[in-house]
Amino acid sequence: MSKPFWLIAAPFIFLLLWSAGFALAKIGLQHAGPFTILGLRYLIAVLVLLPLLPVLKPNFPRGRAALDIAVTGFLIQVVYFGMCYGAFRIGVSAGGVAIIVCLQPILVGIIAPRLVGESVSLLRWLGLAFGLFGALMVILSRSGISTEPVIGVLLAVGGLLGITGATLYEKRFGVTHHPVPANIIQYAVGAAFALPLAWGIEGFDADWTPELFAVLAYLVIGNSLVAITLLLAMIRAGEVARVSALFYLVPPLSALFAWPLLGEAMPPLAWAGMALAALGVMLARTGPAA
C-alpha cells in the first residue's frame, strides 16, 4: 500500500521547521526568559485554534483519549522544551544541549523492543551509530568542548528524557485524533505550567521588540502547530526507531540555520558530519525490521 504524499513529505517538512526553531528560539531568548516565551507560545497557539472548533466541529477527545494526549503534551511542551530552554538560559552551550538530546534515538532503540514490542535490526543500529557520530562531528567542530554548569546539564538530560518518553508514550498509547482539539489539549497543558512559572520566576519581563514577535509567530505556527502535528502523525504511522532517527539531523540542520541567522560559520568538518548523519538516518529509516 503506497503512502500518502503528506506522509512522504512529512519528514522533510518536520526537519526544516524543527531545526530552524532552535536558532530562532536562541534569538528569542535574547529578549525574554524561557518560560515567558514558552507560555506565550502555548497561549497564542490555543487562542489561534479555539475559533476553529465551531467551524470544523471535530470530535473532541474525552476520558482516556484526552488524558493520553495531555501526557504526551506535558512530556514535549513542559519537560522537553522547558528544560532545554532552561539549560540554555543557565548557560549550557547549544553544542552541550545538542549532544545530550542526540542520545534520544539510542534510548528509543534500547527501550522500544521492551515497551512497544518494536525490534531494531542490526542495520538500523548501524544507522543510529552513524547518525550519532555525524551529529557529534557537527557539534564539536563548531563549539568545541567547554565546561558546562552541572544544573544546566541536568536540565538538558531531563529534556532528553522528556522527548524520549513522549515518543514512546505516543507510540504505545497514541491514536489518530483531529489535530485541532489534540493540539488545543497539548498546548493548554503547556500553558498551564509555563505561564505561572513565567509570572513567578520571570515576572513576564521581556524586551517587546518586533524581532521577539516574529520569533513567537514562527514558534507558534512552524513549531507548535505544524511540526509537532507532523511528528506525532509520523510516530503513529511508522516505526518509532525510524522516526527518532530524524533527530540526528536536527543538530546539523540547526547549525546550518544558525549560519545566516546567528552568524555562526560552518567549518569543513561540520559538512562531513552532516553527510554522515544523513547516511545514518537513511540506514535507520530504510533498514529491514529485525
C-alpha atoms as a PDB file:
ATOM      1  CA  MET A   1       0.000   0.000   0.000  1.00  0.00           C
ATOM      2  CA  SER A   2       1.523   3.312  -1.077  1.00  0.00           C
ATOM      3  CA  LYS A   3       1.985   6.092   1.435  1.00  0.00           C
ATOM      4  CA  PRO A   4       0.014   9.329   1.085  1.00  0.00           C
ATOM      5  CA  PHE A   5       2.027  12.258  -0.233  1.00  0.00           C
ATOM      6  CA  TRP A   6       1.811  14.191   3.047  1.00  0.00           C
ATOM      7  CA  LEU A   7       3.429  11.280   4.906  1.00  0.00           C
ATOM      8  CA  ILE A   8       6.266  11.106   2.360  1.00  0.00           C
ATOM      9  CA  ALA A   9       6.872  14.858   2.668  1.00  0.00           C
ATOM     10  CA  ALA A  10       6.377  14.955   6.451  1.00  0.00           C
ATOM     11  CA  PRO A  11       9.990  14.088   7.476  1.00  0.00           C
ATOM     12  CA  PHE A  12      11.447  16.857   5.303  1.00  0.00           C
ATOM     13  CA  ILE A  13       8.943  19.490   6.441  1.00  0.00           C
ATOM     14  CA  PHE A  14       9.348  18.470  10.082  1.00  0.00           C
ATOM     15  CA  LEU A  15      13.141  18.614   9.966  1.00  0.00           C
ATOM     16  CA  LEU A  16      13.224  22.061   8.379  1.00  0.00           C
ATOM     17  CA  LEU A  17      10.672  23.578  10.758  1.00  0.00           C
ATOM     18  CA  TRP A  18      12.025  21.902  13.912  1.00  0.00           C
ATOM     19  CA  SER A  19      15.687  22.652  13.153  1.00  0.00           C
ATOM     20  CA  ALA A  20      15.106  26.321  12.337  1.00  0.00           C
ATOM     21  CA  GLY A  21      13.246  26.650  15.634  1.00  0.00           C
ATOM     22  CA  PHE A  22      16.440  26.220  17.681  1.00  0.00           C
ATOM     23  CA  ALA A  23      18.216  29.192  16.114  1.00  0.00           C
ATOM     24  CA  LEU A  24      15.067  31.325  16.315  1.00  0.00           C
ATOM     25  CA  ALA A  25      14.454  30.325  19.930  1.00  0.00           C
ATOM     26  CA  LYS A  26      18.015  31.360  20.727  1.00  0.00           C
ATOM     27  CA  ILE A  27      17.230  34.770  19.221  1.00  0.00           C
ATOM     28  CA  GLY A  28      14.043  34.953  21.260  1.00  0.00           C
ATOM     29  CA  LEU A  29      15.894  34.175  24.495  1.00  0.00           C
ATOM     30  CA  GLN A  30      17.876  37.377  23.961  1.00  0.00           C
ATOM     31  CA  HIS A  31      14.620  39.282  24.544  1.00  0.00           C
ATOM     32  CA  ALA A  32      12.704  37.217  27.141  1.00  0.00           C
ATOM     33  CA  GLY A  33      13.025  34.381  29.634  1.00  0.00           C
ATOM     34  CA  PRO A  34      12.380  30.772  28.598  1.00  0.00           C
ATOM     35  CA  PHE A  35       9.085  30.375  30.451  1.00  0.00           C
ATOM     36  CA  THR A  36       7.787  33.707  29.148  1.00  0.00           C
ATOM     37  CA  ILE A  37       8.478  32.617  25.570  1.00  0.00           C
ATOM     38  CA  LEU A  38       7.009  29.159  26.092  1.00  0.00           C
ATOM     39  CA  GLY A  39       3.971  30.424  27.994  1.00  0.00           C
ATOM     40  CA  LEU A  40       3.127  32.987  25.316  1.00  0.00           C
ATOM     41  CA  ARG A  41       3.807  30.450  22.560  1.00  0.00           C
ATOM     42  CA  TYR A  42       1.357  27.948  24.019  1.00  0.00           C
ATOM     43  CA  LEU A  43      -1.275  30.535  24.918  1.00  0.00           C
ATOM     44  CA  ILE A  44      -1.229  32.057  21.427  1.00  0.00           C
ATOM     45  CA  ALA A  45      -1.455  28.582  19.857  1.00  0.00           C
ATOM     46  CA  VAL A  46      -4.581  27.803  21.920  1.00  0.00           C
ATOM     47  CA  LEU A  47      -6.166  31.166  21.053  1.00  0.00           C
ATOM     48  CA  VAL A  48      -5.482  30.598  17.339  1.00  0.00           C
ATOM     49  CA  LEU A  49      -7.038  27.129  17.389  1.00  0.00           C
ATOM     50  CA  LEU A  50     -10.112  27.729  19.555  1.00  0.00           C
ATOM     51  CA  PRO A  51     -12.123  29.650  16.890  1.00  0.00           C
ATOM     52  CA  LEU A  52     -11.705  26.659  14.560  1.00  0.00           C
ATOM     53  CA  LEU A  53     -13.763  24.365  16.817  1.00  0.00           C
ATOM     54  CA  PRO A  54     -17.232  25.731  15.920  1.00  0.00           C
ATOM     55  CA  VAL A  55     -16.255  25.893  12.238  1.00  0.00           C
ATOM     56  CA  LEU A  56     -14.761  22.414  11.846  1.00  0.00           C
ATOM     57  CA  LYS A  57     -16.881  20.726  14.557  1.00  0.00           C
ATOM     58  CA  PRO A  58     -14.311  17.948  15.200  1.00  0.00           C
ATOM     59  CA  ASN A  59     -14.876  15.204  17.739  1.00  0.00           C
ATOM     60  CA  PHE A  60     -13.202  16.372  20.948  1.00  0.00           C
ATOM     61  CA  PRO A  61     -11.233  13.600  22.734  1.00  0.00           C
ATOM     62  CA  ARG A  62     -12.602  12.638  26.122  1.00  0.00           C
ATOM     63  CA  GLY A  63     -11.668  10.390  29.009  1.00  0.00           C
ATOM     64  CA  ARG A  64      -8.584   8.240  28.496  1.00  0.00           C
ATOM     65  CA  ALA A  65      -8.002   9.607  24.983  1.00  0.00           C
ATOM     66  CA  ALA A  66      -7.780  13.180  26.299  1.00  0.00           C
ATOM     67  CA  LEU A  67      -5.512  12.025  29.127  1.00  0.00           C
ATOM     68  CA  ASP A  68      -3.098  10.333  26.707  1.00  0.00           C
ATOM     69  CA  ILE A  69      -2.896  13.497  24.602  1.00  0.00           C
ATOM     70  CA  ALA A  70      -2.289  15.572  27.732  1.00  0.00           C
ATOM     71  CA  VAL A  71       0.520  13.273  28.903  1.00  0.00           C
ATOM     72  CA  THR A  72       2.291  13.481  25.548  1.00  0.00           C
ATOM     73  CA  GLY A  73       1.822  17.253  25.551  1.00  0.00           C
ATOM     74  CA  PHE A  74       3.255  17.549  29.050  1.00  0.00           C
ATOM     75  CA  LEU A  75       6.337  15.496  28.147  1.00  0.00           C
ATOM     76  CA  ILE A  76       7.056  17.528  24.992  1.00  0.00           C
ATOM     77  CA  GLN A  77       5.887  21.046  25.810  1.00  0.00           C
ATOM     78  CA  VAL A  78       6.734  21.217  29.512  1.00  0.00           C
ATOM     79  CA  VAL A  79       9.532  18.710  30.133  1.00  0.00           C
ATOM     80  CA  TYR A  80      11.403  18.774  26.825  1.00  0.00           C
ATOM     81  CA  PHE A  81      11.084  22.407  25.778  1.00  0.00           C
ATOM     82  CA  GLY A  82      11.006  23.779  29.323  1.00  0.00           C
ATOM     83  CA  MET A  83      14.179  22.027  30.420  1.00  0.00           C
ATOM     84  CA  CYS A  84      16.100  22.634  27.185  1.00  0.00           C
ATOM     85  CA  TYR A  85      15.230  26.345  27.218  1.00  0.00           C
ATOM     86  CA  GLY A  86      16.133  26.460  30.903  1.00  0.00           C
ATOM     87  CA  ALA A  87      19.502  24.833  30.180  1.00  0.00           C
ATOM     88  CA  PHE A  88      20.228  27.453  27.511  1.00  0.00           C
ATOM     89  CA  ARG A  89      19.267  30.228  29.946  1.00  0.00           C
ATOM     90  CA  ILE A  90      21.525  28.876  32.701  1.00  0.00           C
ATOM     91  CA  GLY A  91      24.480  28.855  30.345  1.00  0.00           C
ATOM     92  CA  VAL A  92      24.784  25.442  28.726  1.00  0.00           C
ATOM     93  CA  SER A  93      26.093  25.844  25.197  1.00  0.00           C
ATOM     94  CA  ALA A  94      23.991  24.905  22.191  1.00  0.00           C
ATOM     95  CA  GLY A  95      26.525  22.156  21.482  1.00  0.00           C
ATOM     96  CA  GLY A  96      26.220  20.786  25.006  1.00  0.00           C
ATOM     97  CA  VAL A  97      22.423  20.550  24.842  1.00  0.00           C
ATOM     98  CA  ALA A  98      22.529  19.091  21.331  1.00  0.00           C
ATOM     99  CA  ILE A  99      24.984  16.353  22.326  1.00  0.00           C
ATOM    100  CA  ILE A 100      22.697  15.277  25.173  1.00  0.00           C
ATOM    101  CA  VAL A 101      19.459  15.411  23.174  1.00  0.00           C
ATOM    102  CA  CYS A 102      21.132  13.468  20.342  1.00  0.00           C
ATOM    103  CA  LEU A 103      21.062  10.406  22.588  1.00  0.00           C
ATOM    104  CA  GLN A 104      17.277  10.198  22.097  1.00  0.00           C
ATOM    105  CA  PRO A 105      17.333   7.716  19.180  1.00  0.00           C
ATOM    106  CA  ILE A 106      19.688   5.437  21.143  1.00  0.00           C
ATOM    107  CA  LEU A 107      17.374   5.450  24.178  1.00  0.00           C
ATOM    108  CA  VAL A 108      14.363   4.800  21.954  1.00  0.00           C
ATOM    109  CA  GLY A 109      16.171   1.946  20.217  1.00  0.00           C
ATOM    110  CA  ILE A 110      17.009   0.344  23.569  1.00  0.00           C
ATOM    111  CA  ILE A 111      13.603   0.789  25.180  1.00  0.00           C
ATOM    112  CA  ALA A 112      11.272   0.306  22.185  1.00  0.00           C
ATOM    113  CA  PRO A 113      11.589  -3.519  21.969  1.00  0.00           C
ATOM    114  CA  ARG A 114      10.595  -3.847  25.622  1.00  0.00           C
ATOM    115  CA  LEU A 115       7.912  -1.178  25.793  1.00  0.00           C
ATOM    116  CA  VAL A 116       6.179  -1.150  22.406  1.00  0.00           C
ATOM    117  CA  GLY A 117       7.300  -4.527  21.018  1.00  0.00           C
ATOM    118  CA  GLU A 118       9.261  -2.999  18.146  1.00  0.00           C
ATOM    119  CA  SER A 119      12.597  -4.654  17.375  1.00  0.00           C
ATOM    120  CA  VAL A 120      15.579  -2.810  15.917  1.00  0.00           C
ATOM    121  CA  SER A 121      17.690  -4.576  13.284  1.00  0.00           C
ATOM    122  CA  LEU A 122      21.474  -4.560  13.084  1.00  0.00           C
ATOM    123  CA  LEU A 123      21.346  -2.287  10.028  1.00  0.00           C
ATOM    124  CA  ARG A 124      19.226   0.227  11.919  1.00  0.00           C
ATOM    125  CA  TRP A 125      21.605   0.122  14.865  1.00  0.00           C
ATOM    126  CA  LEU A 126      24.413   0.881  12.402  1.00  0.00           C
ATOM    127  CA  GLY A 127      22.379   3.799  11.084  1.00  0.00           C
ATOM    128  CA  LEU A 128      21.790   5.098  14.610  1.00  0.00           C
ATOM    129  CA  ALA A 129      25.539   4.904  15.314  1.00  0.00           C
ATOM    130  CA  PHE A 130      26.412   6.772  12.089  1.00  0.00           C
ATOM    131  CA  GLY A 131      23.829   9.395  12.925  1.00  0.00           C
ATOM    132  CA  LEU A 132      25.213   9.919  16.416  1.00  0.00           C
ATOM    133  CA  PHE A 133      28.811  10.262  15.250  1.00  0.00           C
ATOM    134  CA  GLY A 134      27.810  12.589  12.432  1.00  0.00           C
ATOM    135  CA  ALA A 135      25.879  14.846  14.793  1.00  0.00           C
ATOM    136  CA  LEU A 136      28.794  14.876  17.238  1.00  0.00           C
ATOM    137  CA  MET A 137      31.173  15.886  14.426  1.00  0.00           C
ATOM    138  CA  VAL A 138      28.990  18.886  13.599  1.00  0.00           C
ATOM    139  CA  ILE A 139      28.592  19.935  17.217  1.00  0.00           C
ATOM    140  CA  LEU A 140      32.234  19.572  18.220  1.00  0.00           C
ATOM    141  CA  SER A 141      33.544  21.201  15.037  1.00  0.00           C
ATOM    142  CA  ARG A 142      31.510  24.318  15.818  1.00  0.00           C
ATOM    143  CA  SER A 143      31.551  24.620  19.590  1.00  0.00           C
ATOM    144  CA  GLY A 144      34.435  22.579  20.882  1.00  0.00           C
ATOM    145  CA  ILE A 145      34.407  21.151  24.404  1.00  0.00           C
ATOM    146  CA  SER A 146      33.601  23.536  27.216  1.00  0.00           C
ATOM    147  CA  THR A 147      32.851  23.326  30.906  1.00  0.00           C
ATOM    148  CA  GLU A 148      29.096  23.280  31.375  1.00  0.00           C
ATOM    149  CA  PRO A 149      27.161  24.186  34.542  1.00  0.00           C
ATOM    150  CA  VAL A 150      26.053  20.993  36.286  1.00  0.00           C
ATOM    151  CA  ILE A 151      22.463  22.151  36.882  1.00  0.00           C
ATOM    152  CA  GLY A 152      22.140  23.098  33.229  1.00  0.00           C
ATOM    153  CA  VAL A 153      23.420  19.696  32.118  1.00  0.00           C
ATOM    154  CA  LEU A 154      20.884  18.001  34.402  1.00  0.00           C
ATOM    155  CA  LEU A 155      18.128  20.110  32.855  1.00  0.00           C
ATOM    156  CA  ALA A 156      19.242  19.037  29.369  1.00  0.00           C
ATOM    157  CA  VAL A 157      19.175  15.388  30.490  1.00  0.00           C
ATOM    158  CA  GLY A 158      15.652  15.973  31.765  1.00  0.00           C
ATOM    159  CA  GLY A 159      14.722  17.351  28.342  1.00  0.00           C
ATOM    160  CA  LEU A 160      16.195  14.227  26.729  1.00  0.00           C
ATOM    161  CA  LEU A 161      14.057  12.015  28.964  1.00  0.00           C
ATOM    162  CA  GLY A 162      11.017  14.142  28.151  1.00  0.00           C
ATOM    163  CA  ILE A 163      11.212  13.790  24.360  1.00  0.00           C
ATOM    164  CA  THR A 164      12.136  10.091  24.659  1.00  0.00           C
ATOM    165  CA  GLY A 165       9.195   9.438  26.965  1.00  0.00           C
ATOM    166  CA  ALA A 166       6.827  11.359  24.686  1.00  0.00           C
ATOM    167  CA  THR A 167       7.931   9.365  21.629  1.00  0.00           C
ATOM    168  CA  LEU A 168       7.446   6.008  23.343  1.00  0.00           C
ATOM    169  CA  TYR A 169       4.195   7.001  25.060  1.00  0.00           C
ATOM    170  CA  GLU A 170       2.683   8.236  21.797  1.00  0.00           C
ATOM    171  CA  LYS A 171       3.675   5.022  20.038  1.00  0.00           C
ATOM    172  CA  ARG A 172       2.250   2.892  22.848  1.00  0.00           C
ATOM    173  CA  PHE A 173      -0.992   4.754  23.578  1.00  0.00           C
ATOM    174  CA  GLY A 174      -1.486   7.361  20.849  1.00  0.00           C
ATOM    175  CA  VAL A 175      -4.323   7.056  18.347  1.00  0.00           C
ATOM    176  CA  THR A 176      -5.336   9.303  15.476  1.00  0.00           C
ATOM    177  CA  HIS A 177      -7.329  12.362  16.514  1.00  0.00           C
ATOM    178  CA  HIS A 178      -8.326  15.537  14.731  1.00  0.00           C
ATOM    179  CA  PRO A 179      -5.240  17.815  15.021  1.00  0.00           C
ATOM    180  CA  VAL A 180      -7.166  20.883  16.214  1.00  0.00           C
ATOM    181  CA  PRO A 181      -8.603  19.527  19.505  1.00  0.00           C
ATOM    182  CA  ALA A 182      -5.480  17.409  20.079  1.00  0.00           C
ATOM    183  CA  ASN A 183      -3.245  20.483  19.789  1.00  0.00           C
ATOM    184  CA  ILE A 184      -5.570  22.539  21.979  1.00  0.00           C
ATOM    185  CA  ILE A 185      -5.245  19.956  24.765  1.00  0.00           C
ATOM    186  CA  GLN A 186      -1.456  19.762  24.444  1.00  0.00           C
ATOM    187  CA  TYR A 187      -0.871  23.498  24.404  1.00  0.00           C
ATOM    188  CA  ALA A 188      -3.383  24.133  27.163  1.00  0.00           C
ATOM    189  CA  VAL A 189      -1.324  21.763  29.308  1.00  0.00           C
ATOM    190  CA  GLY A 190       1.871  23.560  28.299  1.00  0.00           C
ATOM    191  CA  ALA A 191       0.372  26.984  29.073  1.00  0.00           C
ATOM    192  CA  ALA A 192      -0.971  25.789  32.427  1.00  0.00           C
ATOM    193  CA  PHE A 193       2.574  25.000  33.556  1.00  0.00           C
ATOM    194  CA  ALA A 194       4.627  27.637  31.700  1.00  0.00           C
ATOM    195  CA  LEU A 195       2.551  30.753  32.409  1.00  0.00           C
ATOM    196  CA  PRO A 196       2.678  30.514  36.242  1.00  0.00           C
ATOM    197  CA  LEU A 197       6.452  29.935  36.030  1.00  0.00           C
ATOM    198  CA  ALA A 198       6.828  32.896  33.678  1.00  0.00           C
ATOM    199  CA  TRP A 199       4.943  35.087  36.147  1.00  0.00           C
ATOM    200  CA  GLY A 200       6.523  33.767  39.346  1.00  0.00           C
ATOM    201  CA  ILE A 201      10.146  33.438  38.194  1.00  0.00           C
ATOM    202  CA  GLU A 202      10.497  35.948  35.351  1.00  0.00           C
ATOM    203  CA  GLY A 203       7.678  38.410  36.028  1.00  0.00           C
ATOM    204  CA  PHE A 204       6.898  38.361  32.289  1.00  0.00           C
ATOM    205  CA  ASP A 205       9.907  40.634  31.877  1.00  0.00           C
ATOM    206  CA  ALA A 206      10.686  40.930  28.174  1.00  0.00           C
ATOM    207  CA  ASP A 207      12.071  43.263  25.550  1.00  0.00           C
ATOM    208  CA  TRP A 208       8.942  43.607  23.394  1.00  0.00           C
ATOM    209  CA  THR A 209      10.613  44.166  20.036  1.00  0.00           C
ATOM    210  CA  PRO A 210       9.380  43.266  16.523  1.00  0.00           C
ATOM    211  CA  GLU A 211      12.084  40.594  16.483  1.00  0.00           C
ATOM    212  CA  LEU A 212      10.561  38.879  19.529  1.00  0.00           C
ATOM    213  CA  PHE A 213       7.084  38.960  17.992  1.00  0.00           C
ATOM    214  CA  ALA A 214       8.465  37.483  14.758  1.00  0.00           C
ATOM    215  CA  VAL A 215      10.135  34.670  16.718  1.00  0.00           C
ATOM    216  CA  LEU A 216       6.904  33.951  18.613  1.00  0.00           C
ATOM    217  CA  ALA A 217       4.957  33.851  15.332  1.00  0.00           C
ATOM    218  CA  TYR A 218       7.345  31.255  13.918  1.00  0.00           C
ATOM    219  CA  LEU A 219       7.395  29.162  17.089  1.00  0.00           C
ATOM    220  CA  VAL A 220       3.594  29.114  17.210  1.00  0.00           C
ATOM    221  CA  ILE A 221       2.943  28.335  13.543  1.00  0.00           C
ATOM    222  CA  GLY A 222       6.079  26.480  12.442  1.00  0.00           C
ATOM    223  CA  ASN A 223       6.951  24.535  15.590  1.00  0.00           C
ATOM    224  CA  SER A 224       3.785  24.274  17.662  1.00  0.00           C
ATOM    225  CA  LEU A 225       1.076  23.868  15.012  1.00  0.00           C
ATOM    226  CA  VAL A 226       2.814  22.212  12.059  1.00  0.00           C
ATOM    227  CA  ALA A 227       5.977  20.422  13.252  1.00  0.00           C
ATOM    228  CA  ILE A 228       4.505  18.815  16.381  1.00  0.00           C
ATOM    229  CA  THR A 229       1.435  17.638  14.460  1.00  0.00           C
ATOM    230  CA  LEU A 230       3.675  16.030  11.817  1.00  0.00           C
ATOM    231  CA  LEU A 231       5.921  14.416  14.450  1.00  0.00           C
ATOM    232  CA  LEU A 232       3.043  12.727  16.273  1.00  0.00           C
ATOM    233  CA  ALA A 233       1.451  11.642  12.982  1.00  0.00           C
ATOM    234  CA  MET A 234       4.740  10.056  11.830  1.00  0.00           C
ATOM    235  CA  ILE A 235       5.141   8.230  15.138  1.00  0.00           C
ATOM    236  CA  ARG A 236       1.662   6.727  14.828  1.00  0.00           C
ATOM    237  CA  ALA A 237       2.156   5.823  11.150  1.00  0.00           C
ATOM    238  CA  GLY A 238       5.611   4.219  11.290  1.00  0.00           C
ATOM    239  CA  GLU A 239       8.256   2.543  13.407  1.00  0.00           C
ATOM    240  CA  VAL A 240       9.307   4.661  16.333  1.00  0.00           C
ATOM    241  CA  ALA A 241      13.042   3.979  15.831  1.00  0.00           C
ATOM    242  CA  ARG A 242      12.883   5.270  12.251  1.00  0.00           C
ATOM    243  CA  VAL A 243      11.132   8.464  13.307  1.00  0.00           C
ATOM    244  CA  SER A 244      13.540   9.009  16.207  1.00  0.00           C
ATOM    245  CA  ALA A 245      16.492   8.714  13.822  1.00  0.00           C
ATOM    246  CA  LEU A 246      15.353  12.002  12.278  1.00  0.00           C
ATOM    247  CA  PHE A 247      16.566  13.775  15.417  1.00  0.00           C
ATOM    248  CA  TYR A 248      20.166  13.096  14.377  1.00  0.00           C
ATOM    249  CA  LEU A 249      19.699  15.577  11.540  1.00  0.00           C
ATOM    250  CA  VAL A 250      18.370  18.289  13.851  1.00  0.00           C
ATOM    251  CA  PRO A 251      21.770  19.484  15.220  1.00  0.00           C
ATOM    252  CA  PRO A 252      23.413  19.622  11.766  1.00  0.00           C
ATOM    253  CA  LEU A 253      20.441  21.437  10.236  1.00  0.00           C
ATOM    254  CA  SER A 254      20.204  23.715  13.268  1.00  0.00           C
ATOM    255  CA  ALA A 255      23.856  24.599  12.722  1.00  0.00           C
ATOM    256  CA  LEU A 256      23.093  25.294   9.072  1.00  0.00           C
ATOM    257  CA  PHE A 257      20.254  27.666  10.018  1.00  0.00           C
ATOM    258  CA  ALA A 258      22.434  29.317  12.668  1.00  0.00           C
ATOM    259  CA  TRP A 259      24.942  30.271   9.983  1.00  0.00           C
ATOM    260  CA  PRO A 260      22.847  33.065   8.394  1.00  0.00           C
ATOM    261  CA  LEU A 261      20.617  33.773  11.414  1.00  0.00           C
ATOM    262  CA  LEU A 262      23.267  33.948  14.138  1.00  0.00           C
ATOM    263  CA  GLY A 263      26.472  34.355  12.129  1.00  0.00           C
ATOM    264  CA  GLU A 264      27.862  31.001  13.304  1.00  0.00           C
ATOM    265  CA  ALA A 265      30.046  29.637  10.499  1.00  0.00           C
ATOM    266  CA  MET A 266      30.056  26.005   9.329  1.00  0.00           C
ATOM    267  CA  PRO A 267      33.630  24.594   9.257  1.00  0.00           C
ATOM    268  CA  PRO A 268      34.535  21.812   6.771  1.00  0.00           C
ATOM    269  CA  LEU A 269      34.322  19.088   9.432  1.00  0.00           C
ATOM    270  CA  ALA A 270      30.718  20.108  10.089  1.00  0.00           C
ATOM    271  CA  TRP A 271      29.766  19.477   6.461  1.00  0.00           C
ATOM    272  CA  ALA A 272      31.317  15.987   6.681  1.00  0.00           C
ATOM    273  CA  GLY A 273      29.355  15.368   9.872  1.00  0.00           C
ATOM    274  CA  MET A 274      26.123  16.400   8.165  1.00  0.00           C
ATOM    275  CA  ALA A 275      26.775  13.883   5.396  1.00  0.00           C
ATOM    276  CA  LEU A 276      27.484  11.097   7.915  1.00  0.00           C
ATOM    277  CA  ALA A 277      24.369  11.947   9.923  1.00  0.00           C
ATOM    278  CA  ALA A 278      22.264  11.902   6.739  1.00  0.00           C
ATOM    279  CA  LEU A 279      23.668   8.472   5.843  1.00  0.00           C
ATOM    280  CA  GLY A 280      22.840   7.223   9.329  1.00  0.00           C
ATOM    281  CA  VAL A 281      19.262   8.437   9.117  1.00  0.00           C
ATOM    282  CA  MET A 282      18.873   6.832   5.686  1.00  0.00           C
ATOM    283  CA  LEU A 283      20.062   3.465   7.039  1.00  0.00           C
ATOM    284  CA  ALA A 284      17.908   3.708  10.154  1.00  0.00           C
ATOM    285  CA  ARG A 285      14.789   4.561   8.128  1.00  0.00           C
ATOM    286  CA  THR A 286      15.243   2.001   5.332  1.00  0.00           C
ATOM    287  CA  GLY A 287      16.722  -0.980   7.178  1.00  0.00           C
ATOM    288  CA  PRO A 288      14.562  -4.115   7.424  1.00  0.00           C
ATOM    289  CA  ALA A 289      12.907  -4.985  10.681  1.00  0.00           C
ATOM    290  CA  ALA A 290      14.745  -7.415  12.932  1.00  0.00           C
END
